[in-house]
Amino acid sequence: MSRVKTDQLGTGRIGYLLIKQSIPASIGFLAMSLNMVIDTIFLGQWIGPLGIAAVTIVLPIIFLMSSIGMAIGVGGSAIISLALGMGDLKKAREIFGNQICITAALVGSLALVSVFFKAEVLWLFGAAGRITAAADTYFSIVLIGVPFLAFAMVSNRVIRAEGNAGMSMVVMLAGSILNLVLDVVFIKFFHWGIAGAAWATCLSYFSLMSCILYYFLSGQSTIKITWQCLRFRRKVTGEIASLGSVTLAQQAAVGVLAIAANNIMYQYGGETALNIYGIINRLLLFIAFPIIGITQGVLPIIGYNYGAEKYNRVRQSIQKAILYSAVLSCFIWVIIMCFPELLVRIFTTDRQITEQAPYALRRTFAMIPIICVEMIGSAYFQAIGKAIKALLLASLRQGLFLIPLILFLPKISGIKGVWYAFPMADLTASLVVGLFLYVEIRKRLN
């Protein structure tokens, strides 16, 4: 198993550490993204555009709910990295115990409430017409697996904070492979339709949780799960909430974006536009995997070295992360600009979608090469414990720029305005975050 020992985060070569941490993180996120992409391909080819539309409605709800786990995982793992950098293993274990307790309480309660207000939630996120029944079926089943997904999101971040990015990758791959196999069995052979896709997803979430539990209970981890750690501590909970609020705000903005975008899509372009948006969302996850992987890979390096006051290494980590991300994203950008028709036909052969989607893809992904500045810049402030600044910067794209543009531009140019909103928001947010990061490097890291 590929693993970076915790103390090597402060002594190893930055380029080597970044690659060692980022490749497993990238592969793990690629597995999750590829899982969603192939899931959508199966739905489009075997069930039809209605299946894509239903998943487009439901997945933002699921990820908004499970983002509580993601927020607690990111906030807690940032503190864990700082604690490990200072050699405080006891605090790291207390933080992990608190993460588990908070996640179980919040996500379990939210999932239970959603059962009783299912119709209202689906309507809010844009379910209308024929889409409603299919979305209801998918949502009812996947909702069962949300607590498992939330636990996996928390614990997987802690595994990476330990420096064991390889294990994090294996866990994500295991869940994704199981999901894809079950998709084929349930949809193709059992003919369960949209319900089959939902059960495959739900069982994959359970497998993620099972693999992670085995890792922490089998003695392989640096940070152990013990009964003594599984209790609420007000001070530790406050620290987690402070930094986790950054990710929660990001995901809340994504949820609000989904509400706005889904409803605008249906209003100006009907089911066709909603299907195109679903394809774009799946591709965005798949396309952004190297940038997200590098961002996740650099977080423990920054956190550890900042905690150890090795600021020169922090600066080098930021610079190399942006460079590697920019090179990879430029390569991906060329593929999108040259072959959008081919990418769309992988998902569906529906004539209306294949005619309209290439235009949307080229506009939506126009600024992909520069989003690494926004992502790594906001992640830096989160990694060093500057929660308020990280929160503001992380919320810029969706909250301040993209949502208002999506609501305003269609009034001028119809559905085309939605597609132009994405590159405009990417450009503006990257410029603002880049400026903050430049000032920070000159002021504190020199």
Protein backbone atom coordinates (compact mmCIF):
# COMPACT_ATOMS: atom_id res chain seq x y z
CA MET A 1 0.00 0.00 0.00
CA SER A 2 1.42 3.38 -1.05
CA ARG A 3 1.73 5.56 2.02
CA VAL A 4 3.48 8.77 2.99
CA LYS A 5 4.60 8.58 6.63
CA THR A 6 3.28 11.53 8.59
CA ASP A 7 6.70 13.02 9.42
CA GLN A 8 7.73 12.86 5.74
CA LEU A 9 5.19 15.58 5.02
CA GLY A 10 7.63 17.99 6.64
CA THR A 11 10.89 16.63 5.20
CA GLY A 12 10.28 14.99 1.81
CA ARG A 13 10.65 16.68 -1.57
CA ILE A 14 7.55 18.75 -2.32
CA GLY A 15 7.16 17.50 -5.89
CA TYR A 16 7.46 13.87 -4.80
CA LEU A 17 5.04 14.33 -1.89
CA LEU A 18 2.51 16.12 -4.07
CA ILE A 19 2.57 13.37 -6.68
CA LYS A 20 2.47 10.68 -4.00
CA GLN A 21 -0.54 12.28 -2.34
CA SER A 22 -2.33 13.55 -5.45
CA ILE A 23 -2.27 10.45 -7.66
CA PRO A 24 -4.19 8.27 -5.19
CA ALA A 25 -6.55 11.16 -4.40
CA SER A 26 -7.05 11.76 -8.13
CA ILE A 27 -7.65 8.09 -8.83
CA GLY A 28 -10.06 7.87 -5.93
CA PHE A 29 -12.01 10.89 -7.14
CA LEU A 30 -11.78 9.62 -10.72
CA ALA A 31 -13.30 6.35 -9.58
CA MET A 32 -16.18 8.20 -7.95
CA SER A 33 -16.59 10.49 -10.97
CA LEU A 34 -16.29 7.66 -13.47
CA ASN A 35 -18.86 5.81 -11.42
CA MET A 36 -21.34 8.68 -11.83
CA VAL A 37 -20.49 9.12 -15.51
CA ILE A 38 -20.99 5.44 -16.33
CA ASP A 39 -24.09 5.36 -14.14
CA THR A 40 -25.51 8.18 -16.27
CA ILE A 41 -24.44 6.41 -19.48
CA PHE A 42 -26.30 3.27 -18.39
CA LEU A 43 -29.38 5.33 -17.56
CA GLY A 44 -29.24 7.19 -20.86
CA GLN A 45 -28.68 4.13 -23.02
CA TRP A 46 -30.86 1.58 -21.17
CA ILE A 47 -33.62 3.72 -19.60
CA GLY A 48 -33.58 6.88 -21.73
CA PRO A 49 -33.34 10.66 -21.20
CA LEU A 50 -35.93 10.47 -18.41
CA GLY A 51 -33.45 8.49 -16.31
CA ILE A 52 -30.77 11.15 -16.77
CA ALA A 53 -33.23 13.89 -15.83
CA ALA A 54 -34.31 12.04 -12.65
CA VAL A 55 -30.72 11.60 -11.47
CA THR A 56 -29.99 15.25 -12.32
CA ILE A 57 -32.73 16.22 -9.87
CA VAL A 58 -31.85 13.78 -7.07
CA LEU A 59 -28.04 13.75 -6.91
CA PRO A 60 -27.71 17.40 -5.79
CA ILE A 61 -30.13 16.61 -2.93
CA ILE A 62 -28.12 13.56 -1.88
CA PHE A 63 -24.82 15.40 -2.00
CA LEU A 64 -26.23 18.39 -0.17
CA MET A 65 -27.30 16.10 2.66
CA SER A 66 -24.06 14.10 2.70
CA SER A 67 -22.05 17.33 2.45
CA ILE A 68 -22.49 17.61 6.20
CA GLY A 69 -20.18 14.61 6.40
CA MET A 70 -17.87 16.16 3.83
CA ALA A 71 -17.76 19.44 5.77
CA ILE A 72 -17.05 17.70 9.06
CA GLY A 73 -14.43 15.56 7.32
CA VAL A 74 -12.64 18.49 5.69
CA GLY A 75 -12.80 20.71 8.78
CA GLY A 76 -11.66 17.97 11.12
CA SER A 77 -8.92 16.63 8.85
CA ALA A 78 -7.44 20.13 8.51
CA ILE A 79 -7.13 20.30 12.31
CA ILE A 80 -5.81 16.73 12.40
CA SER A 81 -3.05 17.66 9.92
CA LEU A 82 -2.10 20.64 12.08
CA ALA A 83 -2.18 18.47 15.24
CA LEU A 84 -0.01 15.78 13.65
CA GLY A 85 2.42 18.48 12.52
CA MET A 86 2.73 19.54 16.17
CA GLY A 87 2.99 15.92 17.34
CA ASP A 88 -0.33 15.95 19.24
CA LEU A 89 -1.77 12.48 18.46
CA LYS A 90 -4.21 12.63 21.40
CA LYS A 91 -5.94 15.70 19.97
CA ALA A 92 -6.07 14.09 16.51
CA ARG A 93 -7.92 11.09 17.96
CA GLU A 94 -10.34 13.28 19.89
CA ILE A 95 -11.15 15.22 16.73
CA PHE A 96 -11.90 12.04 14.78
CA GLY A 97 -14.20 10.77 17.52
CA ASN A 98 -16.09 14.05 17.49
CA GLN A 99 -16.38 13.92 13.72
CA ILE A 100 -18.10 10.53 13.88
CA CYS A 101 -20.56 11.62 16.60
CA ILE A 102 -21.53 14.88 14.91
CA THR A 103 -22.00 13.21 11.53
CA ALA A 104 -24.20 10.44 12.91
CA ALA A 105 -26.44 12.90 14.76
CA LEU A 106 -26.85 15.49 12.01
CA VAL A 107 -27.03 13.33 8.88
CA GLY A 108 -29.26 10.71 10.50
CA SER A 109 -31.73 13.40 11.57
CA LEU A 110 -31.69 15.10 8.17
CA ALA A 111 -32.32 11.82 6.32
CA LEU A 112 -35.26 11.04 8.62
CA VAL A 113 -36.82 14.47 8.06
CA SER A 114 -36.42 14.07 4.29
CA VAL A 115 -38.55 10.93 4.36
CA PHE A 116 -41.55 12.94 5.55
CA PHE A 117 -41.02 15.89 3.16
CA LYS A 118 -39.89 13.98 0.08
CA ALA A 119 -42.39 15.45 -2.39
CA GLU A 120 -41.64 19.02 -1.32
CA VAL A 121 -37.87 18.51 -1.59
CA LEU A 122 -38.11 17.03 -5.09
CA TRP A 123 -40.37 19.89 -6.23
CA LEU A 124 -37.92 22.45 -4.83
CA PHE A 125 -35.05 20.93 -6.82
CA GLY A 126 -36.98 21.12 -10.09
CA ALA A 127 -38.90 17.83 -10.41
CA ALA A 128 -41.86 18.43 -12.76
CA GLY A 129 -43.99 16.57 -15.28
CA ARG A 130 -42.87 13.05 -16.17
CA ILE A 131 -39.64 13.49 -14.24
CA THR A 132 -41.36 13.53 -10.83
CA ALA A 133 -42.26 9.83 -10.59
CA ALA A 134 -38.82 8.64 -11.72
CA ALA A 135 -37.07 11.05 -9.34
CA ASP A 136 -39.28 9.88 -6.46
CA THR A 137 -38.33 6.25 -7.07
CA TYR A 138 -34.61 7.01 -7.22
CA PHE A 139 -34.64 9.34 -4.21
CA SER A 140 -36.61 6.97 -1.95
CA ILE A 141 -34.02 4.21 -2.33
CA VAL A 142 -30.78 6.21 -2.36
CA LEU A 143 -31.88 8.08 0.77
CA ILE A 144 -31.27 4.87 2.73
CA GLY A 145 -27.57 5.02 1.90
CA VAL A 146 -26.97 8.70 2.76
CA PRO A 147 -25.72 8.07 6.35
CA PHE A 148 -23.23 5.49 4.99
CA LEU A 149 -21.97 7.98 2.40
CA ALA A 150 -21.62 10.73 4.99
CA PHE A 151 -19.53 8.49 7.28
CA ALA A 152 -17.33 7.52 4.33
CA MET A 153 -16.78 11.18 3.44
CA VAL A 154 -15.69 11.99 6.99
CA SER A 155 -13.38 9.02 7.43
CA ASN A 156 -11.81 9.15 3.99
CA ARG A 157 -10.57 12.67 4.70
CA VAL A 158 -8.99 11.47 7.92
CA ILE A 159 -7.21 8.66 6.06
CA ARG A 160 -5.67 11.25 3.73
CA ALA A 161 -4.73 13.48 6.67
CA GLU A 162 -2.71 10.53 8.04
CA GLY A 163 -0.77 10.48 4.75
CA ASN A 164 -2.30 7.20 3.59
CA ALA A 165 -3.68 8.42 0.28
CA GLY A 166 -3.26 4.93 -1.19
CA MET A 167 -5.83 3.45 1.17
CA SER A 168 -8.18 6.32 0.42
CA MET A 169 -7.88 5.47 -3.28
CA VAL A 170 -8.55 1.76 -2.73
CA VAL A 171 -11.71 2.50 -0.73
CA MET A 172 -13.12 4.76 -3.44
CA LEU A 173 -12.26 2.25 -6.17
CA ALA A 174 -13.95 -0.59 -4.31
CA GLY A 175 -17.22 1.30 -3.95
CA SER A 176 -17.19 2.49 -7.55
CA ILE A 177 -16.47 -0.93 -9.02
CA LEU A 178 -19.26 -2.49 -6.98
CA ASN A 179 -21.69 0.22 -8.14
CA LEU A 180 -20.87 -0.37 -11.79
CA VAL A 181 -21.20 -4.15 -11.51
CA LEU A 182 -24.53 -3.85 -9.72
CA ASP A 183 -25.73 -1.33 -12.31
CA VAL A 184 -25.26 -3.91 -15.05
CA VAL A 185 -26.89 -6.69 -12.99
CA PHE A 186 -29.87 -4.68 -11.74
CA ILE A 187 -30.62 -2.62 -14.87
CA LYS A 188 -29.51 -4.84 -17.76
CA PHE A 189 -30.29 -8.32 -16.46
CA PHE A 190 -32.91 -7.85 -13.72
CA HIS A 191 -34.67 -5.03 -15.63
CA TRP A 192 -35.27 -3.01 -12.47
CA GLY A 193 -34.93 0.29 -14.33
CA ILE A 194 -34.36 3.45 -12.29
CA ALA A 195 -34.85 1.48 -9.06
CA GLY A 196 -31.97 -0.81 -10.05
CA ALA A 197 -29.66 2.17 -10.48
CA ALA A 198 -30.73 3.46 -7.07
CA TRP A 199 -30.12 0.14 -5.28
CA ALA A 200 -26.69 -0.16 -6.93
CA THR A 201 -25.76 3.30 -5.64
CA CYS A 202 -27.12 2.61 -2.15
CA LEU A 203 -25.21 -0.66 -1.78
CA SER A 204 -21.99 0.99 -3.01
CA TYR A 205 -22.32 3.58 -0.22
CA PHE A 206 -22.63 0.74 2.31
CA SER A 207 -19.51 -0.93 0.89
CA LEU A 208 -17.55 2.33 1.28
CA MET A 209 -18.45 2.52 4.95
CA SER A 210 -17.59 -1.15 5.50
CA CYS A 211 -14.12 -0.85 3.94
CA ILE A 212 -13.29 2.24 5.98
CA LEU A 213 -14.50 0.69 9.23
CA TYR A 214 -12.29 -2.32 8.58
CA TYR A 215 -9.28 -0.04 8.04
CA PHE A 216 -9.74 1.82 11.33
CA LEU A 217 -10.65 -1.25 13.39
CA SER A 218 -7.95 -3.56 12.03
CA GLY A 219 -5.00 -1.63 13.45
CA GLN A 220 -3.70 -0.26 10.13
CA SER A 221 -4.40 3.41 10.95
CA THR A 222 -2.39 5.93 12.97
CA ILE A 223 -5.60 7.39 14.40
CA LYS A 224 -7.70 4.74 16.12
CA ILE A 225 -11.44 4.59 16.78
CA THR A 226 -11.94 4.07 20.53
CA TRP A 227 -14.98 4.36 22.80
CA GLN A 228 -13.16 7.07 24.77
CA CYS A 229 -12.93 9.27 21.68
CA LEU A 230 -16.58 8.77 20.64
CA ARG A 231 -18.09 11.60 22.63
CA PHE A 232 -18.89 15.27 22.14
CA ARG A 233 -16.33 17.82 23.28
CA ARG A 234 -17.56 21.38 22.94
CA LYS A 235 -14.18 22.94 22.20
CA VAL A 236 -13.19 20.34 19.61
CA THR A 237 -16.66 20.45 18.04
CA GLY A 238 -16.34 24.22 17.73
CA GLU A 239 -13.00 23.93 15.93
CA ILE A 240 -14.41 21.37 13.50
CA ALA A 241 -17.50 23.50 12.86
CA SER A 242 -15.40 26.60 12.26
CA LEU A 243 -13.32 25.07 9.47
CA GLY A 244 -16.02 22.71 8.25
CA SER A 245 -18.34 25.64 7.64
CA VAL A 246 -16.21 26.47 4.60
CA THR A 247 -17.02 23.20 2.85
CA LEU A 248 -20.61 23.26 4.09
CA ALA A 249 -21.07 26.73 2.61
CA GLN A 250 -19.59 25.51 -0.67
CA GLN A 251 -21.95 22.56 -0.80
CA ALA A 252 -24.91 24.67 0.30
CA ALA A 253 -24.11 27.01 -2.59
CA VAL A 254 -23.99 23.98 -4.90
CA GLY A 255 -27.41 22.98 -3.60
CA VAL A 256 -28.86 26.44 -4.18
CA LEU A 257 -27.23 26.41 -7.61
CA ALA A 258 -28.94 23.10 -8.39
CA ILE A 259 -32.30 24.53 -7.35
CA ALA A 260 -31.82 27.62 -9.50
CA ALA A 261 -30.28 25.83 -12.49
CA ASN A 262 -32.74 22.92 -12.61
CA ASN A 263 -35.74 25.22 -12.49
CA ILE A 264 -34.28 27.67 -15.03
CA MET A 265 -33.35 24.80 -17.35
CA TYR A 266 -36.86 23.39 -17.28
CA GLN A 267 -38.40 26.86 -17.70
CA TYR A 268 -36.32 27.90 -20.73
CA GLY A 269 -35.44 24.56 -22.33
CA GLY A 270 -37.71 21.83 -20.94
CA GLU A 271 -36.54 18.25 -20.42
CA THR A 272 -33.90 18.58 -23.15
CA ALA A 273 -32.05 21.39 -21.37
CA LEU A 274 -32.31 19.54 -18.06
CA ASN A 275 -30.79 16.44 -19.65
CA ILE A 276 -27.96 18.49 -21.15
CA TYR A 277 -27.27 20.02 -17.75
CA GLY A 278 -27.18 16.53 -16.25
CA ILE A 279 -24.59 15.43 -18.81
CA ILE A 280 -22.53 18.58 -18.13
CA ASN A 281 -22.58 17.91 -14.40
CA ARG A 282 -21.38 14.34 -14.87
CA LEU A 283 -18.62 15.46 -17.23
CA LEU A 284 -17.59 18.26 -14.88
CA LEU A 285 -16.94 15.76 -12.09
CA PHE A 286 -14.97 13.54 -14.43
CA ILE A 287 -13.05 16.38 -16.09
CA ALA A 288 -12.12 18.14 -12.85
CA PHE A 289 -10.74 15.01 -11.17
CA PRO A 290 -7.02 15.85 -11.62
CA ILE A 291 -7.47 19.35 -10.21
CA ILE A 292 -9.53 18.10 -7.27
CA GLY A 293 -7.02 15.29 -6.70
CA ILE A 294 -4.11 17.71 -6.58
CA THR A 295 -6.08 20.03 -4.30
CA GLN A 296 -6.83 17.17 -1.90
CA GLY A 297 -3.26 15.92 -2.16
CA VAL A 298 -1.71 19.27 -1.25
CA LEU A 299 -3.97 19.94 1.76
CA PRO A 300 -2.16 17.70 4.30
CA ILE A 301 1.22 18.93 3.02
CA ILE A 302 0.23 22.56 3.54
CA GLY A 303 -1.42 21.89 6.89
CA TYR A 304 1.48 19.89 8.29
CA ASN A 305 4.19 22.34 7.19
CA TYR A 306 2.24 25.40 8.27
CA GLY A 307 1.76 23.79 11.68
CA ALA A 308 5.52 23.10 11.78
CA GLU A 309 6.23 26.75 10.66
CA LYS A 310 8.02 25.62 7.50
CA TYR A 311 6.61 28.43 5.37
CA ASN A 312 9.00 28.02 2.47
CA ARG A 313 7.68 24.50 1.95
CA VAL A 314 4.11 25.81 2.11
CA ARG A 315 4.86 28.31 -0.67
CA GLN A 316 6.51 25.65 -2.82
CA SER A 317 3.51 23.35 -2.32
CA ILE A 318 1.08 26.03 -3.54
CA GLN A 319 3.18 26.87 -6.60
CA LYS A 320 3.68 23.28 -7.68
CA ALA A 321 0.03 22.40 -7.11
CA ILE A 322 -1.13 25.26 -9.34
CA LEU A 323 1.43 24.41 -12.03
CA TYR A 324 0.54 20.71 -12.19
CA SER A 325 -3.19 21.49 -12.18
CA ALA A 326 -2.91 24.08 -14.95
CA VAL A 327 -1.02 21.73 -17.26
CA LEU A 328 -3.51 18.90 -16.80
CA SER A 329 -6.58 21.12 -17.13
CA CYS A 330 -5.27 22.62 -20.39
CA PHE A 331 -5.00 19.13 -21.85
CA ILE A 332 -8.58 18.36 -20.81
CA TRP A 333 -9.79 21.68 -22.23
CA VAL A 334 -8.41 20.80 -25.68
CA ILE A 335 -10.34 17.50 -25.66
CA ILE A 336 -13.62 19.22 -24.77
CA MET A 337 -13.24 21.94 -27.37
CA CYS A 338 -12.35 19.47 -30.14
CA PHE A 339 -14.67 16.53 -29.44
CA PRO A 340 -17.88 17.71 -27.71
CA GLU A 341 -20.16 15.76 -30.08
CA LEU A 342 -18.37 12.51 -29.29
CA LEU A 343 -18.62 13.12 -25.55
CA VAL A 344 -22.37 13.74 -25.74
CA ARG A 345 -23.07 10.64 -27.86
CA ILE A 346 -21.45 8.48 -25.19
CA PHE A 347 -24.43 9.32 -22.97
CA THR A 348 -27.34 9.39 -25.40
CA THR A 349 -28.33 9.29 -29.06
CA ASP A 350 -31.41 11.44 -28.55
CA ARG A 351 -31.46 13.83 -31.53
CA GLN A 352 -32.42 17.01 -29.70
CA ILE A 353 -29.79 16.50 -27.03
CA THR A 354 -26.98 15.61 -29.45
CA GLU A 355 -27.75 18.72 -31.55
CA GLN A 356 -27.86 21.21 -28.68
CA ALA A 357 -25.36 19.84 -26.15
CA PRO A 358 -22.03 20.51 -27.98
CA TYR A 359 -22.72 24.27 -27.97
CA ALA A 360 -23.44 24.12 -24.24
CA LEU A 361 -20.30 22.08 -23.47
CA ARG A 362 -17.95 24.47 -25.26
CA ARG A 363 -19.36 27.49 -23.40
CA THR A 364 -19.66 25.88 -19.99
CA PHE A 365 -16.09 24.53 -19.91
CA ALA A 366 -14.39 27.50 -21.58
CA MET A 367 -12.50 28.57 -18.43
CA ILE A 368 -11.49 25.14 -17.12
CA PRO A 369 -7.72 25.92 -17.42
CA ILE A 370 -7.84 28.64 -14.73
CA ILE A 371 -10.16 27.17 -12.10
CA CYS A 372 -7.16 25.57 -10.37
CA VAL A 373 -6.26 29.01 -8.96
CA GLU A 374 -9.66 29.34 -7.34
CA MET A 375 -9.71 25.80 -5.95
CA ILE A 376 -6.15 25.65 -4.59
CA GLY A 377 -6.27 29.22 -3.33
CA SER A 378 -9.38 28.74 -1.20
CA ALA A 379 -8.12 25.32 -0.05
CA TYR A 380 -4.89 26.92 1.22
CA PHE A 381 -6.72 29.21 3.63
CA GLN A 382 -8.78 26.29 4.85
CA ALA A 383 -5.68 24.13 5.39
CA ILE A 384 -4.00 26.76 7.60
CA GLY A 385 -7.10 27.30 9.74
CA LYS A 386 -8.29 30.69 8.39
CA ALA A 387 -11.91 29.69 8.32
CA ILE A 388 -13.61 33.02 7.58
CA LYS A 389 -11.38 33.95 4.66
CA ALA A 390 -11.60 30.41 3.28
CA LEU A 391 -15.38 30.51 3.63
CA LEU A 392 -15.69 33.77 1.72
CA LEU A 393 -13.35 32.74 -1.08
CA ALA A 394 -14.83 29.27 -1.45
CA SER A 395 -18.33 30.75 -1.77
CA LEU A 396 -17.43 33.30 -4.44
CA ARG A 397 -18.04 31.23 -7.56
CA GLN A 398 -21.43 29.75 -6.76
CA GLY A 399 -22.80 32.21 -4.24
CA LEU A 400 -21.68 35.61 -5.45
CA PHE A 401 -21.22 35.11 -9.20
CA LEU A 402 -22.74 31.97 -10.73
CA ILE A 403 -26.21 31.89 -9.13
CA PRO A 404 -27.00 35.56 -9.88
CA LEU A 405 -25.73 35.15 -13.46
CA ILE A 406 -27.86 32.03 -14.00
CA LEU A 407 -30.93 33.89 -12.79
CA PHE A 408 -30.21 37.09 -14.76
CA LEU A 409 -28.66 36.14 -18.13
CA PRO A 410 -31.52 33.91 -19.38
CA LYS A 411 -33.81 36.94 -19.23
CA ILE A 412 -31.59 38.50 -21.90
CA SER A 413 -30.53 35.57 -24.08
CA GLY A 414 -32.65 32.60 -23.03
CA ILE A 415 -31.05 29.21 -22.40
CA LYS A 416 -27.76 30.40 -23.95
CA GLY A 417 -27.40 32.78 -21.03
CA VAL A 418 -27.17 29.82 -18.64
CA TRP A 419 -24.23 28.35 -20.54
CA TYR A 420 -22.37 31.69 -20.60
CA ALA A 421 -22.86 32.15 -16.85
CA PHE A 422 -20.38 29.35 -16.03
CA PRO A 423 -17.22 30.72 -17.72
CA MET A 424 -18.00 34.25 -16.53
CA ALA A 425 -18.23 33.04 -12.92
CA ASP A 426 -15.06 30.91 -13.27
CA LEU A 427 -13.04 33.83 -14.60
CA THR A 428 -14.19 36.34 -11.99
CA ALA A 429 -13.79 34.01 -9.03
CA SER A 430 -10.32 32.86 -10.13
CA LEU A 431 -9.13 36.47 -10.44
CA VAL A 432 -10.36 37.40 -6.96
CA VAL A 433 -8.96 34.27 -5.25
CA GLY A 434 -5.69 34.64 -7.17
CA LEU A 435 -5.28 38.18 -5.84
CA PHE A 436 -5.85 37.09 -2.24
CA LEU A 437 -3.39 34.22 -2.63
CA TYR A 438 -0.74 36.48 -4.18
CA VAL A 439 -0.98 38.91 -1.27
CA GLU A 440 -0.82 36.05 1.25
CA ILE A 441 2.31 34.56 -0.31
CA ARG A 442 4.14 37.90 -0.39
CA LYS A 443 3.03 38.92 3.09
CA ARG A 444 3.29 35.70 5.13
CA LEU A 445 5.16 32.99 3.23
CA ASN A 446 8.30 34.91 2.27
